[in-house]
Amino acid sequence: MRRAAELQWPALLVGAACVVIVAAGWVRLPAWVLPVLVLTGVFGVVLTDGLARVAALGGILLVAGMWWGGLRLDAVRETSPRAR
């Protein structure tokens, strides 16, 4: 498993971000939580190395995906015929 993570970490990070964009429809975080999670992830990237750094970067991408998915859903809700 560790070897697969070392070799395929770009695909794992992109996949994680895509999954969270889809999951944003079910889970909504308060606005103040996202910056806190991003700052925590940035500290993790700066202070660690190896797979821990990849995991911290994955966390940042998960939060970014959650934010982006939330924006996408808000835009869809505003343009839906029911909203008018």
PDB file of N, CA and C in Angstrom:
ATOM      1  N   MET A   1       0.827  -1.190   0.000  1.00  0.00           N
ATOM      2  CA  MET A   1       0.000   0.000   0.000  1.00  0.00           C
ATOM      3  C   MET A   1       0.872   1.254   0.000  1.00  0.00           C
ATOM      4  N   ARG A   2       1.906   1.241   0.786  1.00  0.00           N
ATOM      5  CA  ARG A   2       2.780   2.409   0.869  1.00  0.00           C
ATOM      6  C   ARG A   2       3.450   2.674  -0.481  1.00  0.00           C
ATOM      7  N   ARG A   3       3.883   1.614  -1.139  1.00  0.00           N
ATOM      8  CA  ARG A   3       4.526   1.764  -2.453  1.00  0.00           C
ATOM      9  C   ARG A   3       3.545   2.325  -3.478  1.00  0.00           C
ATOM     10  N   ALA A   4       2.304   1.867  -3.441  1.00  0.00           N
ATOM     11  CA  ALA A   4       1.293   2.376  -4.359  1.00  0.00           C
ATOM     12  C   ALA A   4       1.046   3.856  -4.095  1.00  0.00           C
ATOM     13  N   ALA A   5       1.012   4.256  -2.840  1.00  0.00           N
ATOM     14  CA  ALA A   5       0.803   5.665  -2.512  1.00  0.00           C
ATOM     15  C   ALA A   5       1.984   6.508  -2.966  1.00  0.00           C
ATOM     16  N   GLU A   6       3.192   5.975  -2.844  1.00  0.00           N
ATOM     17  CA  GLU A   6       4.368   6.728  -3.285  1.00  0.00           C
ATOM     18  C   GLU A   6       4.394   6.909  -4.798  1.00  0.00           C
ATOM     19  N   LEU A   7       3.940   5.908  -5.533  1.00  0.00           N
ATOM     20  CA  LEU A   7       3.984   5.981  -6.984  1.00  0.00           C
ATOM     21  C   LEU A   7       2.772   6.703  -7.587  1.00  0.00           C
ATOM     22  N   GLN A   8       1.636   6.570  -6.973  1.00  0.00           N
ATOM     23  CA  GLN A   8       0.400   7.078  -7.560  1.00  0.00           C
ATOM     24  C   GLN A   8      -0.193   8.267  -6.812  1.00  0.00           C
ATOM     25  N   TRP A   9       0.608   9.006  -6.042  1.00  0.00           N
ATOM     26  CA  TRP A   9       0.046  10.075  -5.224  1.00  0.00           C
ATOM     27  C   TRP A   9      -0.637  11.171  -6.032  1.00  0.00           C
ATOM     28  N   PRO A  10      -0.199  11.541  -7.238  1.00  0.00           N
ATOM     29  CA  PRO A  10      -0.963  12.569  -7.965  1.00  0.00           C
ATOM     30  C   PRO A  10      -2.390  12.116  -8.283  1.00  0.00           C
ATOM     31  N   ALA A  11      -2.537  10.875  -8.716  1.00  0.00           N
ATOM     32  CA  ALA A  11      -3.868  10.362  -9.036  1.00  0.00           C
ATOM     33  C   ALA A  11      -4.723  10.261  -7.779  1.00  0.00           C
ATOM     34  N   LEU A  12      -4.124   9.883  -6.662  1.00  0.00           N
ATOM     35  CA  LEU A  12      -4.875   9.809  -5.407  1.00  0.00           C
ATOM     36  C   LEU A  12      -5.374  11.181  -4.974  1.00  0.00           C
ATOM     37  N   LEU A  13      -4.541  12.214  -5.138  1.00  0.00           N
ATOM     38  CA  LEU A  13      -4.946  13.561  -4.743  1.00  0.00           C
ATOM     39  C   LEU A  13      -6.080  14.082  -5.632  1.00  0.00           C
ATOM     40  N   VAL A  14      -5.955  13.894  -6.923  1.00  0.00           N
ATOM     41  CA  VAL A  14      -7.009  14.352  -7.843  1.00  0.00           C
ATOM     42  C   VAL A  14      -8.303  13.586  -7.595  1.00  0.00           C
ATOM     43  N   GLY A  15      -8.191  12.300  -7.377  1.00  0.00           N
ATOM     44  CA  GLY A  15      -9.374  11.499  -7.078  1.00  0.00           C
ATOM     45  C   GLY A  15     -10.063  11.933  -5.801  1.00  0.00           C
ATOM     46  N   ALA A  16      -9.281  12.250  -4.784  1.00  0.00           N
ATOM     47  CA  ALA A  16      -9.859  12.713  -3.526  1.00  0.00           C
ATOM     48  C   ALA A  16     -10.605  14.032  -3.721  1.00  0.00           C
ATOM     49  N   ALA A  17     -10.030  14.943  -4.476  1.00  0.00           N
ATOM     50  CA  ALA A  17     -10.690  16.223  -4.732  1.00  0.00           C
ATOM     51  C   ALA A  17     -11.996  16.018  -5.498  1.00  0.00           C
ATOM     52  N   CYS A  18     -11.996  15.124  -6.466  1.00  0.00           N
ATOM     53  CA  CYS A  18     -13.213  14.859  -7.247  1.00  0.00           C
ATOM     54  C   CYS A  18     -14.311  14.244  -6.387  1.00  0.00           C
ATOM     55  N   VAL A  19     -13.943  13.320  -5.525  1.00  0.00           N
ATOM     56  CA  VAL A  19     -14.935  12.694  -4.650  1.00  0.00           C
ATOM     57  C   VAL A  19     -15.574  13.725  -3.731  1.00  0.00           C
ATOM     58  N   VAL A  20     -14.789  14.641  -3.216  1.00  0.00           N
ATOM     59  CA  VAL A  20     -15.336  15.636  -2.294  1.00  0.00           C
ATOM     60  C   VAL A  20     -16.210  16.650  -3.025  1.00  0.00           C
ATOM     61  N   ILE A  21     -15.875  16.973  -4.275  1.00  0.00           N
ATOM     62  CA  ILE A  21     -16.736  17.876  -5.038  1.00  0.00           C
ATOM     63  C   ILE A  21     -18.137  17.270  -5.148  1.00  0.00           C
ATOM     64  N   VAL A  22     -18.204  15.981  -5.392  1.00  0.00           N
ATOM     65  CA  VAL A  22     -19.497  15.302  -5.466  1.00  0.00           C
ATOM     66  C   VAL A  22     -20.146  15.236  -4.080  1.00  0.00           C
ATOM     67  N   ALA A  23     -19.360  14.954  -3.061  1.00  0.00           N
ATOM     68  CA  ALA A  23     -19.896  14.816  -1.705  1.00  0.00           C
ATOM     69  C   ALA A  23     -20.369  16.143  -1.119  1.00  0.00           C
ATOM     70  N   ALA A  24     -20.002  17.255  -1.731  1.00  0.00           N
ATOM     71  CA  ALA A  24     -20.412  18.565  -1.214  1.00  0.00           C
ATOM     72  C   ALA A  24     -21.929  18.713  -1.215  1.00  0.00           C
ATOM     73  N   GLY A  25     -22.618  17.929  -2.003  1.00  0.00           N
ATOM     74  CA  GLY A  25     -24.076  17.970  -2.010  1.00  0.00           C
ATOM     75  C   GLY A  25     -24.689  17.413  -0.743  1.00  0.00           C
ATOM     76  N   TRP A  26     -23.981  16.567  -0.043  1.00  0.00           N
ATOM     77  CA  TRP A  26     -24.505  15.947   1.170  1.00  0.00           C
ATOM     78  C   TRP A  26     -23.965  16.573   2.442  1.00  0.00           C
ATOM     79  N   VAL A  27     -22.777  17.109   2.381  1.00  0.00           N
ATOM     80  CA  VAL A  27     -22.129  17.658   3.583  1.00  0.00           C
ATOM     81  C   VAL A  27     -21.861  19.142   3.359  1.00  0.00           C
ATOM     82  N   ARG A  28     -22.398  19.970   4.222  1.00  0.00           N
ATOM     83  CA  ARG A  28     -22.154  21.405   4.130  1.00  0.00           C
ATOM     84  C   ARG A  28     -21.435  21.849   5.411  1.00  0.00           C
ATOM     85  N   LEU A  29     -20.277  22.446   5.234  1.00  0.00           N
ATOM     86  CA  LEU A  29     -19.513  22.946   6.372  1.00  0.00           C
ATOM     87  C   LEU A  29     -19.764  24.435   6.547  1.00  0.00           C
ATOM     88  N   PRO A  30     -19.745  24.911   7.787  1.00  0.00           N
ATOM     89  CA  PRO A  30     -19.853  26.358   7.998  1.00  0.00           C
ATOM     90  C   PRO A  30     -18.677  27.078   7.343  1.00  0.00           C
ATOM     91  N   ALA A  31     -18.896  28.319   6.963  1.00  0.00           N
ATOM     92  CA  ALA A  31     -17.880  29.077   6.228  1.00  0.00           C
ATOM     93  C   ALA A  31     -16.581  29.239   7.018  1.00  0.00           C
ATOM     94  N   TRP A  32     -16.647  29.336   8.323  1.00  0.00           N
ATOM     95  CA  TRP A  32     -15.431  29.567   9.109  1.00  0.00           C
ATOM     96  C   TRP A  32     -14.565  28.314   9.214  1.00  0.00           C
ATOM     97  N   VAL A  33     -15.133  27.148   8.971  1.00  0.00           N
ATOM     98  CA  VAL A  33     -14.380  25.894   9.111  1.00  0.00           C
ATOM     99  C   VAL A  33     -13.368  25.734   7.971  1.00  0.00           C
ATOM    100  N   LEU A  34     -13.729  26.152   6.765  1.00  0.00           N
ATOM    101  CA  LEU A  34     -12.864  25.940   5.616  1.00  0.00           C
ATOM    102  C   LEU A  34     -11.501  26.625   5.753  1.00  0.00           C
ATOM    103  N   PRO A  35     -11.431  27.918   6.114  1.00  0.00           N
ATOM    104  CA  PRO A  35     -10.098  28.524   6.271  1.00  0.00           C
ATOM    105  C   PRO A  35      -9.266  27.877   7.385  1.00  0.00           C
ATOM    106  N   VAL A  36      -9.924  27.455   8.446  1.00  0.00           N
ATOM    107  CA  VAL A  36      -9.203  26.793   9.544  1.00  0.00           C
ATOM    108  C   VAL A  36      -8.590  25.485   9.052  1.00  0.00           C
ATOM    109  N   LEU A  37      -9.347  24.716   8.285  1.00  0.00           N
ATOM    110  CA  LEU A  37      -8.832  23.457   7.759  1.00  0.00           C
ATOM    111  C   LEU A  37      -7.708  23.675   6.751  1.00  0.00           C
ATOM    112  N   VAL A  38      -7.838  24.706   5.922  1.00  0.00           N
ATOM    113  CA  VAL A  38      -6.776  25.004   4.954  1.00  0.00           C
ATOM    114  C   VAL A  38      -5.495  25.406   5.678  1.00  0.00           C
ATOM    115  N   LEU A  39      -5.596  26.267   6.683  1.00  0.00           N
ATOM    116  CA  LEU A  39      -4.403  26.671   7.443  1.00  0.00           C
ATOM    117  C   LEU A  39      -3.756  25.478   8.139  1.00  0.00           C
ATOM    118  N   THR A  40      -4.562  24.601   8.680  1.00  0.00           N
ATOM    119  CA  THR A  40      -4.025  23.399   9.302  1.00  0.00           C
ATOM    120  C   THR A  40      -3.280  22.549   8.270  1.00  0.00           C
ATOM    121  N   GLY A  41      -3.855  22.413   7.086  1.00  0.00           N
ATOM    122  CA  GLY A  41      -3.199  21.648   6.024  1.00  0.00           C
ATOM    123  C   GLY A  41      -1.910  22.292   5.557  1.00  0.00           C
ATOM    124  N   VAL A  42      -1.901  23.625   5.464  1.00  0.00           N
ATOM    125  CA  VAL A  42      -0.680  24.326   5.053  1.00  0.00           C
ATOM    126  C   VAL A  42       0.432  24.096   6.067  1.00  0.00           C
ATOM    127  N   PHE A  43       0.102  24.182   7.346  1.00  0.00           N
ATOM    128  CA  PHE A  43       1.110  23.892   8.366  1.00  0.00           C
ATOM    129  C   PHE A  43       1.602  22.451   8.244  1.00  0.00           C
ATOM    130  N   GLY A  44       0.685  21.531   7.934  1.00  0.00           N
ATOM    131  CA  GLY A  44       1.092  20.138   7.743  1.00  0.00           C
ATOM    132  C   GLY A  44       2.032  19.963   6.566  1.00  0.00           C
ATOM    133  N   VAL A  45       1.779  20.687   5.480  1.00  0.00           N
ATOM    134  CA  VAL A  45       2.662  20.602   4.309  1.00  0.00           C
ATOM    135  C   VAL A  45       4.032  21.170   4.628  1.00  0.00           C
ATOM    136  N   VAL A  46       4.059  22.284   5.349  1.00  0.00           N
ATOM    137  CA  VAL A  46       5.329  22.948   5.652  1.00  0.00           C
ATOM    138  C   VAL A  46       6.154  22.159   6.665  1.00  0.00           C
ATOM    139  N   LEU A  47       5.503  21.573   7.658  1.00  0.00           N
ATOM    140  CA  LEU A  47       6.230  20.966   8.773  1.00  0.00           C
ATOM    141  C   LEU A  47       6.536  19.478   8.600  1.00  0.00           C
ATOM    142  N   THR A  48       6.011  18.842   7.554  1.00  0.00           N
ATOM    143  CA  THR A  48       6.234  17.406   7.404  1.00  0.00           C
ATOM    144  C   THR A  48       6.942  17.111   6.083  1.00  0.00           C
ATOM    145  N   ASP A  49       7.229  15.831   5.875  1.00  0.00           N
ATOM    146  CA  ASP A  49       7.805  15.405   4.604  1.00  0.00           C
ATOM    147  C   ASP A  49       7.299  14.004   4.274  1.00  0.00           C
ATOM    148  N   GLY A  50       7.574  13.566   3.094  1.00  0.00           N
ATOM    149  CA  GLY A  50       7.184  12.217   2.675  1.00  0.00           C
ATOM    150  C   GLY A  50       5.682  12.060   2.526  1.00  0.00           C
ATOM    151  N   LEU A  51       5.181  10.918   2.957  1.00  0.00           N
ATOM    152  CA  LEU A  51       3.754  10.626   2.822  1.00  0.00           C
ATOM    153  C   LEU A  51       2.892  11.510   3.708  1.00  0.00           C
ATOM    154  N   ALA A  52       3.433  11.968   4.821  1.00  0.00           N
ATOM    155  CA  ALA A  52       2.664  12.884   5.669  1.00  0.00           C
ATOM    156  C   ALA A  52       2.404  14.192   4.927  1.00  0.00           C
ATOM    157  N   ARG A  53       3.366  14.649   4.149  1.00  0.00           N
ATOM    158  CA  ARG A  53       3.173  15.861   3.348  1.00  0.00           C
ATOM    159  C   ARG A  53       2.108  15.630   2.275  1.00  0.00           C
ATOM    160  N   VAL A  54       2.147  14.468   1.651  1.00  0.00           N
ATOM    161  CA  VAL A  54       1.133  14.140   0.643  1.00  0.00           C
ATOM    162  C   VAL A  54      -0.253  14.081   1.286  1.00  0.00           C
ATOM    163  N   ALA A  55      -0.341  13.521   2.489  1.00  0.00           N
ATOM    164  CA  ALA A  55      -1.618  13.460   3.199  1.00  0.00           C
ATOM    165  C   ALA A  55      -2.124  14.862   3.537  1.00  0.00           C
ATOM    166  N   ALA A  56      -1.232  15.749   3.966  1.00  0.00           N
ATOM    167  CA  ALA A  56      -1.634  17.125   4.270  1.00  0.00           C
ATOM    168  C   ALA A  56      -2.094  17.840   3.004  1.00  0.00           C
ATOM    169  N   LEU A  57      -1.403  17.628   1.905  1.00  0.00           N
ATOM    170  CA  LEU A  57      -1.820  18.214   0.637  1.00  0.00           C
ATOM    171  C   LEU A  57      -3.161  17.646   0.198  1.00  0.00           C
ATOM    172  N   GLY A  58      -3.368  16.380   0.435  1.00  0.00           N
ATOM    173  CA  GLY A  58      -4.664  15.771   0.147  1.00  0.00           C
ATOM    174  C   GLY A  58      -5.779  16.395   0.968  1.00  0.00           C
ATOM    175  N   GLY A  59      -5.485  16.703   2.222  1.00  0.00           N
ATOM    176  CA  GLY A  59      -6.474  17.382   3.062  1.00  0.00           C
ATOM    177  C   GLY A  59      -6.832  18.749   2.528  1.00  0.00           C
ATOM    178  N   ILE A  60      -5.827  19.486   2.060  1.00  0.00           N
ATOM    179  CA  ILE A  60      -6.087  20.801   1.470  1.00  0.00           C
ATOM    180  C   ILE A  60      -6.959  20.650   0.223  1.00  0.00           C
ATOM    181  N   LEU A  61      -6.663  19.665  -0.606  1.00  0.00           N
ATOM    182  CA  LEU A  61      -7.466  19.445  -1.806  1.00  0.00           C
ATOM    183  C   LEU A  61      -8.888  19.006  -1.461  1.00  0.00           C
ATOM    184  N   LEU A  62      -9.045  18.249  -0.396  1.00  0.00           N
ATOM    185  CA  LEU A  62     -10.382  17.865   0.037  1.00  0.00           C
ATOM    186  C   LEU A  62     -11.197  19.087   0.448  1.00  0.00           C
ATOM    187  N   VAL A  63     -10.579  19.975   1.200  1.00  0.00           N
ATOM    188  CA  VAL A  63     -11.279  21.195   1.623  1.00  0.00           C
ATOM    189  C   VAL A  63     -11.582  22.072   0.419  1.00  0.00           C
ATOM    190  N   ALA A  64     -10.622  22.196  -0.504  1.00  0.00           N
ATOM    191  CA  ALA A  64     -10.855  23.001  -1.711  1.00  0.00           C
ATOM    192  C   ALA A  64     -11.982  22.391  -2.543  1.00  0.00           C
ATOM    193  N   GLY A  65     -12.021  21.086  -2.632  1.00  0.00           N
ATOM    194  CA  GLY A  65     -13.104  20.426  -3.352  1.00  0.00           C
ATOM    195  C   GLY A  65     -14.451  20.645  -2.693  1.00  0.00           C
ATOM    196  N   MET A  66     -14.473  20.635  -1.381  1.00  0.00           N
ATOM    197  CA  MET A  66     -15.713  20.893  -0.644  1.00  0.00           C
ATOM    198  C   MET A  66     -16.196  22.319  -0.907  1.00  0.00           C
ATOM    199  N   TRP A  67     -15.268  23.260  -0.900  1.00  0.00           N
ATOM    200  CA  TRP A  67     -15.621  24.661  -1.161  1.00  0.00           C
ATOM    201  C   TRP A  67     -16.144  24.816  -2.587  1.00  0.00           C
ATOM    202  N   TRP A  68     -15.430  24.252  -3.547  1.00  0.00           N
ATOM    203  CA  TRP A  68     -15.810  24.375  -4.948  1.00  0.00           C
ATOM    204  C   TRP A  68     -17.162  23.698  -5.211  1.00  0.00           C
ATOM    205  N   GLY A  69     -17.346  22.543  -4.649  1.00  0.00           N
ATOM    206  CA  GLY A  69     -18.625  21.849  -4.807  1.00  0.00           C
ATOM    207  C   GLY A  69     -19.776  22.633  -4.219  1.00  0.00           C
ATOM    208  N   GLY A  70     -19.546  23.277  -3.083  1.00  0.00           N
ATOM    209  CA  GLY A  70     -20.578  24.120  -2.478  1.00  0.00           C
ATOM    210  C   GLY A  70     -20.926  25.311  -3.356  1.00  0.00           C
ATOM    211  N   LEU A  71     -19.913  25.938  -3.939  1.00  0.00           N
ATOM    212  CA  LEU A  71     -20.171  27.052  -4.853  1.00  0.00           C
ATOM    213  C   LEU A  71     -20.965  26.592  -6.069  1.00  0.00           C
ATOM    214  N   ARG A  72     -20.606  25.433  -6.585  1.00  0.00           N
ATOM    215  CA  ARG A  72     -21.301  24.890  -7.756  1.00  0.00           C
ATOM    216  C   ARG A  72     -22.765  24.632  -7.437  1.00  0.00           C
ATOM    217  N   LEU A  73     -23.040  24.042  -6.290  1.00  0.00           N
ATOM    218  CA  LEU A  73     -24.421  23.761  -5.911  1.00  0.00           C
ATOM    219  C   LEU A  73     -25.208  25.040  -5.667  1.00  0.00           C
ATOM    220  N   ASP A  74     -24.581  26.035  -5.071  1.00  0.00           N
ATOM    221  CA  ASP A  74     -25.267  27.316  -4.872  1.00  0.00           C
ATOM    222  C   ASP A  74     -25.631  27.947  -6.209  1.00  0.00           C
ATOM    223  N   ALA A  75     -24.741  27.875  -7.184  1.00  0.00           N
ATOM    224  CA  ALA A  75     -25.019  28.428  -8.510  1.00  0.00           C
ATOM    225  C   ALA A  75     -26.159  27.676  -9.185  1.00  0.00           C
ATOM    226  N   VAL A  76     -26.196  26.370  -9.042  1.00  0.00           N
ATOM    227  CA  VAL A  76     -27.281  25.588  -9.635  1.00  0.00           C
ATOM    228  C   VAL A  76     -28.604  25.931  -8.972  1.00  0.00           C
ATOM    229  N   ARG A  77     -28.611  26.080  -7.674  1.00  0.00           N
ATOM    230  CA  ARG A  77     -29.849  26.416  -6.957  1.00  0.00           C
ATOM    231  C   ARG A  77     -30.376  27.789  -7.366  1.00  0.00           C
ATOM    232  N   GLU A  78     -29.475  28.743  -7.596  1.00  0.00           N
ATOM    233  CA  GLU A  78     -29.901  30.093  -7.977  1.00  0.00           C
ATOM    234  C   GLU A  78     -30.473  30.138  -9.377  1.00  0.00           C
ATOM    235  N   THR A  79     -30.034  29.255 -10.264  1.00  0.00           N
ATOM    236  CA  THR A  79     -30.501  29.288 -11.646  1.00  0.00           C
ATOM    237  C   THR A  79     -31.620  28.284 -11.921  1.00  0.00           C
ATOM    238  N   SER A  80     -32.046  27.567 -10.927  1.00  0.00           N
ATOM    239  CA  SER A  80     -33.101  26.584 -11.146  1.00  0.00           C
ATOM    240  C   SER A  80     -34.450  27.295 -11.333  1.00  0.00           C
ATOM    241  N   PRO A  81     -35.367  26.686 -12.059  1.00  0.00           N
ATOM    242  CA  PRO A  81     -36.693  27.303 -12.265  1.00  0.00           C
ATOM    243  C   PRO A  81     -37.462  27.492 -10.960  1.00  0.00           C
ATOM    244  N   ARG A  82     -37.236  26.640  -9.978  1.00  0.00           N
ATOM    245  CA  ARG A  82     -37.931  26.779  -8.691  1.00  0.00           C
ATOM    246  C   ARG A  82     -37.496  28.027  -7.951  1.00  0.00           C
ATOM    247  N   ALA A  83     -36.236  28.441  -8.146  1.00  0.00           N
ATOM    248  CA  ALA A  83     -35.733  29.632  -7.442  1.00  0.00           C
ATOM    249  C   ALA A  83     -36.407  30.899  -7.941  1.00  0.00           C
ATOM    250  N   ARG A  84     -36.917  30.864  -9.168  1.00  0.00           N
ATOM    251  CA  ARG A  84     -37.573  32.046  -9.739  1.00  0.00           C
ATOM    252  C   ARG A  84     -38.960  32.060  -9.292  1.00  0.00           C
TER     253      ARG A  84
END
